[in-house]
Amino acid sequence: MILTRVFPEPGEPIDTDEGEARELLSGLYEPGAARWVRLNLITSVDGSAVGSDGTSESLSNRADRKILGVIRRHSQVVLVGASSVRAEGYQLPRTVPLAVVTSSGDLAGHRISPTLDPGRLIVLCPASAESTVRESLGELTARVVTVPDTDARLDATAIIDTLASLGFDRIVCEGGPALAAQLLDAGLVHELCLSTSPRIGGGSMRMLGDRAIAEKPLALHQLVVDDAGGVYARWFLGQR
């Protein structure tokens, strides 16, 4: 597939099948600062976060996955909610650890391979859910980190601060909708990387779920398109 930057100025086409594609795309997705929190999400044109199979995978394509890999390489940790781990069949990223957020501690149904190196999987949960996490994981090796909570619900700022205390300053959150909305509403997100799949229908899960968040101005930093109609935007957000 061919990716072409069209904003802020036109760029040379990038063939995602060529060996130099990763390096060229890497230059287009440099973080804006040393401490940088990204949301990397995909949606259909009508705003659904999932396709006809009930996951985001059916919205994605080779170009989107290539960009996903580049964004992960610019990050120190991938952050996801437990519901995404269960629904999407998450596997560990190749280059960085995976941090899973759960308030209940229930990770039953995950499909993470049991053959993983120590430190590659981190679970963030309230102290009250730690035993449930360990029971759900079984023999799976994970670093379980307790996070301050209010009535067993994790605060978005506490999640990001806990990751920072572990040495993770460049974070990419890949959902799900509830966690993404929580981070946005708390003013913790510096950038939204939004892939728009050229289709409508097939799914009904809203990109940010049902949470009403305060209006936030966005600045379009970059726009890339592929030759199949996919659109890839980098939106920068003002911070509180």
C-alpha atoms as a PDB file:
ATOM      1  CA  MET A   1       0.000   0.000   0.000  1.00  0.00           C
ATOM      2  CA  ILE A   2       1.051   3.589  -0.611  1.00  0.00           C
ATOM      3  CA  LEU A   3       0.948   6.281   2.091  1.00  0.00           C
ATOM      4  CA  THR A   4       1.205   9.968   1.205  1.00  0.00           C
ATOM      5  CA  ARG A   5       1.332  12.971   3.511  1.00  0.00           C
ATOM      6  CA  VAL A   6      -1.016  15.724   2.316  1.00  0.00           C
ATOM      7  CA  PHE A   7      -0.780  18.152   5.273  1.00  0.00           C
ATOM      8  CA  PRO A   8       0.935  20.354   6.372  1.00  0.00           C
ATOM      9  CA  GLU A   9       2.720  20.002   3.049  1.00  0.00           C
ATOM     10  CA  PRO A  10       2.633  17.242   0.422  1.00  0.00           C
ATOM     11  CA  GLY A  11       5.207  14.502   0.878  1.00  0.00           C
ATOM     12  CA  GLU A  12       6.702  11.787  -1.263  1.00  0.00           C
ATOM     13  CA  PRO A  13       4.681   8.545  -1.486  1.00  0.00           C
ATOM     14  CA  ILE A  14       5.814   5.790   0.893  1.00  0.00           C
ATOM     15  CA  ASP A  15       5.398   2.177  -0.192  1.00  0.00           C
ATOM     16  CA  THR A  16       4.634   0.245   2.996  1.00  0.00           C
ATOM     17  CA  ASP A  17       6.107  -2.917   1.460  1.00  0.00           C
ATOM     18  CA  GLU A  18       9.534  -1.336   0.965  1.00  0.00           C
ATOM     19  CA  GLY A  19      12.271  -1.858   3.551  1.00  0.00           C
ATOM     20  CA  GLU A  20      12.749   1.863   4.147  1.00  0.00           C
ATOM     21  CA  ALA A  21       9.047   2.467   4.920  1.00  0.00           C
ATOM     22  CA  ARG A  22       9.452   2.123   8.692  1.00  0.00           C
ATOM     23  CA  GLU A  23      12.273   4.663   8.819  1.00  0.00           C
ATOM     24  CA  LEU A  24      10.391   7.138   6.626  1.00  0.00           C
ATOM     25  CA  LEU A  25       7.216   6.815   8.681  1.00  0.00           C
ATOM     26  CA  SER A  26       9.198   7.101  11.902  1.00  0.00           C
ATOM     27  CA  GLY A  27      10.143  10.629  10.921  1.00  0.00           C
ATOM     28  CA  LEU A  28       6.459  11.496  10.484  1.00  0.00           C
ATOM     29  CA  TYR A  29       5.480  10.245  13.944  1.00  0.00           C
ATOM     30  CA  GLU A  30       8.120  11.691  16.263  1.00  0.00           C
ATOM     31  CA  PRO A  31       6.653  12.530  19.700  1.00  0.00           C
ATOM     32  CA  GLY A  32       6.217  16.217  20.403  1.00  0.00           C
ATOM     33  CA  ALA A  33       8.122  16.142  23.719  1.00  0.00           C
ATOM     34  CA  ALA A  34      10.080  13.846  26.033  1.00  0.00           C
ATOM     35  CA  ARG A  35       6.938  13.189  28.087  1.00  0.00           C
ATOM     36  CA  TRP A  36       4.146  12.425  25.637  1.00  0.00           C
ATOM     37  CA  VAL A  37       0.808  10.644  25.989  1.00  0.00           C
ATOM     38  CA  ARG A  38      -0.811   9.507  22.772  1.00  0.00           C
ATOM     39  CA  LEU A  39      -4.146   7.967  21.965  1.00  0.00           C
ATOM     40  CA  ASN A  40      -3.941   5.754  18.901  1.00  0.00           C
ATOM     41  CA  LEU A  41      -7.444   4.841  17.761  1.00  0.00           C
ATOM     42  CA  ILE A  42      -9.225   3.665  14.636  1.00  0.00           C
ATOM     43  CA  THR A  43     -12.799   4.344  13.608  1.00  0.00           C
ATOM     44  CA  SER A  44     -15.109   3.872  10.661  1.00  0.00           C
ATOM     45  CA  VAL A  45     -16.391   6.983   8.886  1.00  0.00           C
ATOM     46  CA  ASP A  46     -19.590   6.792  10.953  1.00  0.00           C
ATOM     47  CA  GLY A  47     -17.626   6.680  14.209  1.00  0.00           C
ATOM     48  CA  SER A  48     -17.629   3.012  15.204  1.00  0.00           C
ATOM     49  CA  ALA A  49     -14.535   1.662  16.961  1.00  0.00           C
ATOM     50  CA  VAL A  50     -15.241  -1.881  15.738  1.00  0.00           C
ATOM     51  CA  GLY A  51     -16.076  -3.486  12.434  1.00  0.00           C
ATOM     52  CA  SER A  52     -18.355  -6.323  11.424  1.00  0.00           C
ATOM     53  CA  ASP A  53     -16.435  -8.898  13.497  1.00  0.00           C
ATOM     54  CA  GLY A  54     -16.870  -6.906  16.705  1.00  0.00           C
ATOM     55  CA  THR A  55     -13.184  -5.899  16.881  1.00  0.00           C
ATOM     56  CA  SER A  56     -11.076  -3.077  15.472  1.00  0.00           C
ATOM     57  CA  GLU A  57      -9.072  -5.578  13.428  1.00  0.00           C
ATOM     58  CA  SER A  58     -11.670  -5.592  10.641  1.00  0.00           C
ATOM     59  CA  LEU A  59     -11.276  -1.803  10.295  1.00  0.00           C
ATOM     60  CA  SER A  60      -7.502  -2.007   9.940  1.00  0.00           C
ATOM     61  CA  ASN A  61      -5.257  -2.655   6.944  1.00  0.00           C
ATOM     62  CA  ARG A  62      -1.535  -3.021   6.202  1.00  0.00           C
ATOM     63  CA  ALA A  63      -0.919   0.721   6.203  1.00  0.00           C
ATOM     64  CA  ASP A  64      -2.664   1.200   9.542  1.00  0.00           C
ATOM     65  CA  ARG A  65      -0.712  -1.670  11.083  1.00  0.00           C
ATOM     66  CA  LYS A  66       2.560  -0.246   9.765  1.00  0.00           C
ATOM     67  CA  ILE A  67       1.776   3.109  11.399  1.00  0.00           C
ATOM     68  CA  LEU A  68       0.743   1.303  14.592  1.00  0.00           C
ATOM     69  CA  GLY A  69       4.149  -0.375  14.729  1.00  0.00           C
ATOM     70  CA  VAL A  70       5.961   2.933  14.235  1.00  0.00           C
ATOM     71  CA  ILE A  71       3.960   4.639  16.991  1.00  0.00           C
ATOM     72  CA  ARG A  72       4.684   1.759  19.356  1.00  0.00           C
ATOM     73  CA  ARG A  73       8.405   2.025  18.617  1.00  0.00           C
ATOM     74  CA  HIS A  74       8.285   5.702  19.592  1.00  0.00           C
ATOM     75  CA  SER A  75       6.629   4.735  22.888  1.00  0.00           C
ATOM     76  CA  GLN A  76       7.936   3.130  26.067  1.00  0.00           C
ATOM     77  CA  VAL A  77       4.714   1.309  26.947  1.00  0.00           C
ATOM     78  CA  VAL A  78       1.365   0.409  25.352  1.00  0.00           C
ATOM     79  CA  LEU A  79      -1.607   1.095  27.636  1.00  0.00           C
ATOM     80  CA  VAL A  80      -4.966  -0.672  27.192  1.00  0.00           C
ATOM     81  CA  GLY A  81      -8.095  -1.377  29.181  1.00  0.00           C
ATOM     82  CA  ALA A  82      -8.909  -4.908  30.296  1.00  0.00           C
ATOM     83  CA  SER A  83     -12.025  -5.037  28.103  1.00  0.00           C
ATOM     84  CA  SER A  84      -9.844  -4.533  25.013  1.00  0.00           C
ATOM     85  CA  VAL A  85      -7.509  -7.323  26.109  1.00  0.00           C
ATOM     86  CA  ARG A  86     -10.459  -9.690  26.339  1.00  0.00           C
ATOM     87  CA  ALA A  87     -12.355  -8.552  23.227  1.00  0.00           C
ATOM     88  CA  GLU A  88      -9.433  -7.914  20.874  1.00  0.00           C
ATOM     89  CA  GLY A  89      -7.293 -10.908  21.786  1.00  0.00           C
ATOM     90  CA  TYR A  90      -4.325  -8.677  22.583  1.00  0.00           C
ATOM     91  CA  GLN A  91      -0.839 -10.106  22.270  1.00  0.00           C
ATOM     92  CA  LEU A  92       2.279  -8.457  23.637  1.00  0.00           C
ATOM     93  CA  PRO A  93       3.768  -5.736  21.418  1.00  0.00           C
ATOM     94  CA  ARG A  94       7.101  -6.749  19.910  1.00  0.00           C
ATOM     95  CA  THR A  95       9.078  -3.740  21.076  1.00  0.00           C
ATOM     96  CA  VAL A  96       7.595  -2.407  24.339  1.00  0.00           C
ATOM     97  CA  PRO A  97       5.757  -3.680  27.438  1.00  0.00           C
ATOM     98  CA  LEU A  98       1.969  -3.890  27.620  1.00  0.00           C
ATOM     99  CA  ALA A  99       0.220  -2.222  30.576  1.00  0.00           C
ATOM    100  CA  VAL A 100      -3.348  -3.357  31.238  1.00  0.00           C
ATOM    101  CA  VAL A 101      -5.742  -1.299  33.368  1.00  0.00           C
ATOM    102  CA  THR A 102      -8.438  -3.113  35.329  1.00  0.00           C
ATOM    103  CA  SER A 103     -10.654  -1.951  38.172  1.00  0.00           C
ATOM    104  CA  SER A 104     -12.244  -5.341  38.795  1.00  0.00           C
ATOM    105  CA  GLY A 105      -9.107  -7.432  38.308  1.00  0.00           C
ATOM    106  CA  ASP A 106     -10.966  -9.731  35.917  1.00  0.00           C
ATOM    107  CA  LEU A 107      -8.715 -10.663  32.996  1.00  0.00           C
ATOM    108  CA  ALA A 108     -10.412 -13.985  32.289  1.00  0.00           C
ATOM    109  CA  GLY A 109     -10.494 -14.776  28.587  1.00  0.00           C
ATOM    110  CA  HIS A 110      -7.199 -13.080  27.740  1.00  0.00           C
ATOM    111  CA  ARG A 111      -5.138 -14.682  24.988  1.00  0.00           C
ATOM    112  CA  ILE A 112      -1.683 -13.468  25.993  1.00  0.00           C
ATOM    113  CA  SER A 113       0.972 -16.100  25.431  1.00  0.00           C
ATOM    114  CA  PRO A 114       2.268 -17.647  28.677  1.00  0.00           C
ATOM    115  CA  THR A 115       5.822 -17.668  27.282  1.00  0.00           C
ATOM    116  CA  LEU A 116       6.788 -14.071  27.948  1.00  0.00           C
ATOM    117  CA  ASP A 117       9.800 -12.396  29.486  1.00  0.00           C
ATOM    118  CA  PRO A 118       9.509 -10.846  32.969  1.00  0.00           C
ATOM    119  CA  GLY A 119       8.471  -7.195  32.863  1.00  0.00           C
ATOM    120  CA  ARG A 120       6.744  -7.430  29.489  1.00  0.00           C
ATOM    121  CA  LEU A 121       3.247  -7.474  31.002  1.00  0.00           C
ATOM    122  CA  ILE A 122       2.162  -4.947  33.634  1.00  0.00           C
ATOM    123  CA  VAL A 123      -1.267  -4.913  35.255  1.00  0.00           C
ATOM    124  CA  LEU A 124      -2.506  -1.749  36.979  1.00  0.00           C
ATOM    125  CA  CYS A 125      -5.322  -2.295  39.462  1.00  0.00           C
ATOM    126  CA  PRO A 126      -6.710  -1.176  42.836  1.00  0.00           C
ATOM    127  CA  ALA A 127      -5.239  -2.932  45.858  1.00  0.00           C
ATOM    128  CA  SER A 128      -8.622  -4.582  46.399  1.00  0.00           C
ATOM    129  CA  ALA A 129      -8.387  -6.313  42.992  1.00  0.00           C
ATOM    130  CA  GLU A 130      -4.821  -7.627  43.206  1.00  0.00           C
ATOM    131  CA  SER A 131      -5.798 -11.154  44.241  1.00  0.00           C
ATOM    132  CA  THR A 132      -8.406 -11.328  41.451  1.00  0.00           C
ATOM    133  CA  VAL A 133      -5.775 -10.277  38.907  1.00  0.00           C
ATOM    134  CA  ARG A 134      -3.394 -13.014  39.986  1.00  0.00           C
ATOM    135  CA  GLU A 135      -6.175 -15.588  39.932  1.00  0.00           C
ATOM    136  CA  SER A 136      -7.261 -14.491  36.432  1.00  0.00           C
ATOM    137  CA  LEU A 137      -3.706 -14.667  35.094  1.00  0.00           C
ATOM    138  CA  GLY A 138      -3.016 -18.115  36.499  1.00  0.00           C
ATOM    139  CA  GLU A 139       0.583 -19.063  35.702  1.00  0.00           C
ATOM    140  CA  LEU A 140       1.094 -16.056  33.434  1.00  0.00           C
ATOM    141  CA  THR A 141       4.005 -13.913  34.620  1.00  0.00           C
ATOM    142  CA  ALA A 142       3.045 -10.276  35.155  1.00  0.00           C
ATOM    143  CA  ARG A 143       4.095  -7.306  37.228  1.00  0.00           C
ATOM    144  CA  VAL A 144       1.008  -6.320  39.216  1.00  0.00           C
ATOM    145  CA  VAL A 145       1.095  -2.684  40.350  1.00  0.00           C
ATOM    146  CA  THR A 146      -1.552  -1.238  42.642  1.00  0.00           C
ATOM    147  CA  VAL A 147      -2.845   2.246  41.834  1.00  0.00           C
ATOM    148  CA  PRO A 148      -4.669   4.665  44.166  1.00  0.00           C
ATOM    149  CA  ASP A 149      -8.416   4.387  43.657  1.00  0.00           C
ATOM    150  CA  THR A 150     -11.726   5.874  44.720  1.00  0.00           C
ATOM    151  CA  ASP A 151     -14.329   3.249  45.588  1.00  0.00           C
ATOM    152  CA  ALA A 152     -12.342   0.677  43.568  1.00  0.00           C
ATOM    153  CA  ARG A 153     -12.321   2.904  40.448  1.00  0.00           C
ATOM    154  CA  LEU A 154      -8.961   4.005  39.079  1.00  0.00           C
ATOM    155  CA  ASP A 155      -8.286   7.685  38.493  1.00  0.00           C
ATOM    156  CA  ALA A 156      -6.817   8.616  35.094  1.00  0.00           C
ATOM    157  CA  THR A 157      -4.154  10.873  36.591  1.00  0.00           C
ATOM    158  CA  ALA A 158      -3.112   8.129  39.004  1.00  0.00           C
ATOM    159  CA  ILE A 159      -2.733   5.706  36.079  1.00  0.00           C
ATOM    160  CA  ILE A 160      -0.418   8.034  34.144  1.00  0.00           C
ATOM    161  CA  ASP A 161       1.522   9.059  37.262  1.00  0.00           C
ATOM    162  CA  THR A 162       2.039   5.409  38.198  1.00  0.00           C
ATOM    163  CA  LEU A 163       3.418   4.623  34.747  1.00  0.00           C
ATOM    164  CA  ALA A 164       5.710   7.661  34.992  1.00  0.00           C
ATOM    165  CA  SER A 165       6.970   6.407  38.369  1.00  0.00           C
ATOM    166  CA  LEU A 166       7.906   3.153  36.623  1.00  0.00           C
ATOM    167  CA  GLY A 167       9.973   5.100  34.085  1.00  0.00           C
ATOM    168  CA  PHE A 168       7.403   5.289  31.279  1.00  0.00           C
ATOM    169  CA  ASP A 169       7.179   8.863  29.978  1.00  0.00           C
ATOM    170  CA  ARG A 170       6.167   8.119  26.377  1.00  0.00           C
ATOM    171  CA  ILE A 171       2.847   6.303  26.538  1.00  0.00           C
ATOM    172  CA  VAL A 172       0.478   5.219  23.793  1.00  0.00           C
ATOM    173  CA  CYS A 173      -3.039   4.234  24.813  1.00  0.00           C
ATOM    174  CA  GLU A 174      -4.853   2.029  22.308  1.00  0.00           C
ATOM    175  CA  GLY A 175      -8.248   1.971  24.042  1.00  0.00           C
ATOM    176  CA  GLY A 176     -10.778   0.806  24.774  1.00  0.00           C
ATOM    177  CA  PRO A 177     -13.326   3.593  24.472  1.00  0.00           C
ATOM    178  CA  ALA A 178     -13.889   4.047  28.222  1.00  0.00           C
ATOM    179  CA  LEU A 179     -10.188   4.398  29.047  1.00  0.00           C
ATOM    180  CA  ALA A 180      -9.582   6.699  26.065  1.00  0.00           C
ATOM    181  CA  ALA A 181     -12.458   8.970  27.113  1.00  0.00           C
ATOM    182  CA  GLN A 182     -11.246   8.992  30.719  1.00  0.00           C
ATOM    183  CA  LEU A 183      -7.752  10.129  29.715  1.00  0.00           C
ATOM    184  CA  LEU A 184      -9.118  12.781  27.360  1.00  0.00           C
ATOM    185  CA  ASP A 185     -11.564  14.130  29.914  1.00  0.00           C
ATOM    186  CA  ALA A 186      -8.777  14.452  32.486  1.00  0.00           C
ATOM    187  CA  GLY A 187      -6.677  16.535  30.081  1.00  0.00           C
ATOM    188  CA  LEU A 188      -3.847  13.999  30.065  1.00  0.00           C
ATOM    189  CA  VAL A 189      -3.578  13.396  26.315  1.00  0.00           C
ATOM    190  CA  HIS A 190      -1.094  15.340  24.210  1.00  0.00           C
ATOM    191  CA  GLU A 191      -1.969  13.772  20.867  1.00  0.00           C
ATOM    192  CA  LEU A 192      -4.731  11.794  19.190  1.00  0.00           C
ATOM    193  CA  CYS A 193      -3.552   9.613  16.320  1.00  0.00           C
ATOM    194  CA  LEU A 194      -6.787   8.768  14.546  1.00  0.00           C
ATOM    195  CA  SER A 195      -7.064   6.307  11.675  1.00  0.00           C
ATOM    196  CA  THR A 196     -10.309   6.534   9.700  1.00  0.00           C
ATOM    197  CA  SER A 197     -11.282   3.388   7.828  1.00  0.00           C
ATOM    198  CA  PRO A 198     -13.152   4.035   4.546  1.00  0.00           C
ATOM    199  CA  ARG A 199     -16.385   2.269   5.481  1.00  0.00           C
ATOM    200  CA  ILE A 200     -19.644   2.765   7.329  1.00  0.00           C
ATOM    201  CA  GLY A 201     -21.838   0.295   9.154  1.00  0.00           C
ATOM    202  CA  GLY A 202     -20.861  -3.084  10.522  1.00  0.00           C
ATOM    203  CA  GLY A 203     -20.251  -1.963  14.109  1.00  0.00           C
ATOM    204  CA  SER A 204     -21.941   0.155  16.746  1.00  0.00           C
ATOM    205  CA  MET A 205     -19.329   0.765  19.470  1.00  0.00           C
ATOM    206  CA  ARG A 206     -18.599   4.483  19.642  1.00  0.00           C
ATOM    207  CA  MET A 207     -14.944   5.481  19.578  1.00  0.00           C
ATOM    208  CA  LEU A 208     -15.148   7.117  23.018  1.00  0.00           C
ATOM    209  CA  GLY A 209     -18.048   5.096  24.379  1.00  0.00           C
ATOM    210  CA  ASP A 210     -20.965   6.844  26.065  1.00  0.00           C
ATOM    211  CA  ARG A 211     -19.000   9.157  28.335  1.00  0.00           C
ATOM    212  CA  ALA A 212     -19.679  12.862  27.822  1.00  0.00           C
ATOM    213  CA  ILE A 213     -16.361  14.712  27.863  1.00  0.00           C
ATOM    214  CA  ALA A 214     -15.691  18.430  28.023  1.00  0.00           C
ATOM    215  CA  GLU A 215     -15.153  20.149  24.682  1.00  0.00           C
ATOM    216  CA  LYS A 216     -11.477  20.334  23.739  1.00  0.00           C
ATOM    217  CA  PRO A 217      -9.879  22.226  20.846  1.00  0.00           C
ATOM    218  CA  LEU A 218      -7.685  20.211  18.491  1.00  0.00           C
ATOM    219  CA  ALA A 219      -4.916  21.332  16.161  1.00  0.00           C
ATOM    220  CA  LEU A 220      -4.304  19.251  13.044  1.00  0.00           C
ATOM    221  CA  HIS A 221      -0.593  18.475  13.026  1.00  0.00           C
ATOM    222  CA  GLN A 222      -0.444  16.043  10.113  1.00  0.00           C
ATOM    223  CA  LEU A 223      -2.664  14.232   7.630  1.00  0.00           C
ATOM    224  CA  VAL A 224      -1.651  11.121   5.697  1.00  0.00           C
ATOM    225  CA  VAL A 225      -3.790   9.129   3.252  1.00  0.00           C
ATOM    226  CA  ASP A 226      -3.400   5.696   1.717  1.00  0.00           C
ATOM    227  CA  ASP A 227      -4.300   4.540  -1.775  1.00  0.00           C
ATOM    228  CA  ALA A 228      -7.308   2.581  -0.482  1.00  0.00           C
ATOM    229  CA  GLY A 229      -9.059   5.592   1.066  1.00  0.00           C
ATOM    230  CA  GLY A 230      -7.753   5.343   4.635  1.00  0.00           C
ATOM    231  CA  VAL A 231      -7.005   8.617   6.438  1.00  0.00           C
ATOM    232  CA  TYR A 232      -4.439   8.995   9.247  1.00  0.00           C
ATOM    233  CA  ALA A 233      -4.510  12.192  11.307  1.00  0.00           C
ATOM    234  CA  ARG A 234      -2.296  13.515  14.079  1.00  0.00           C
ATOM    235  CA  TRP A 235      -4.296  15.878  16.289  1.00  0.00           C
ATOM    236  CA  PHE A 236      -2.552  17.847  19.044  1.00  0.00           C
ATOM    237  CA  LEU A 237      -4.478  18.828  22.176  1.00  0.00           C
ATOM    238  CA  GLY A 238      -4.034  21.730  24.560  1.00  0.00           C
ATOM    239  CA  GLN A 239      -3.301  20.723  28.158  1.00  0.00           C
ATOM    240  CA  ARG A 240      -4.781  21.868  31.438  1.00  0.00           C
END
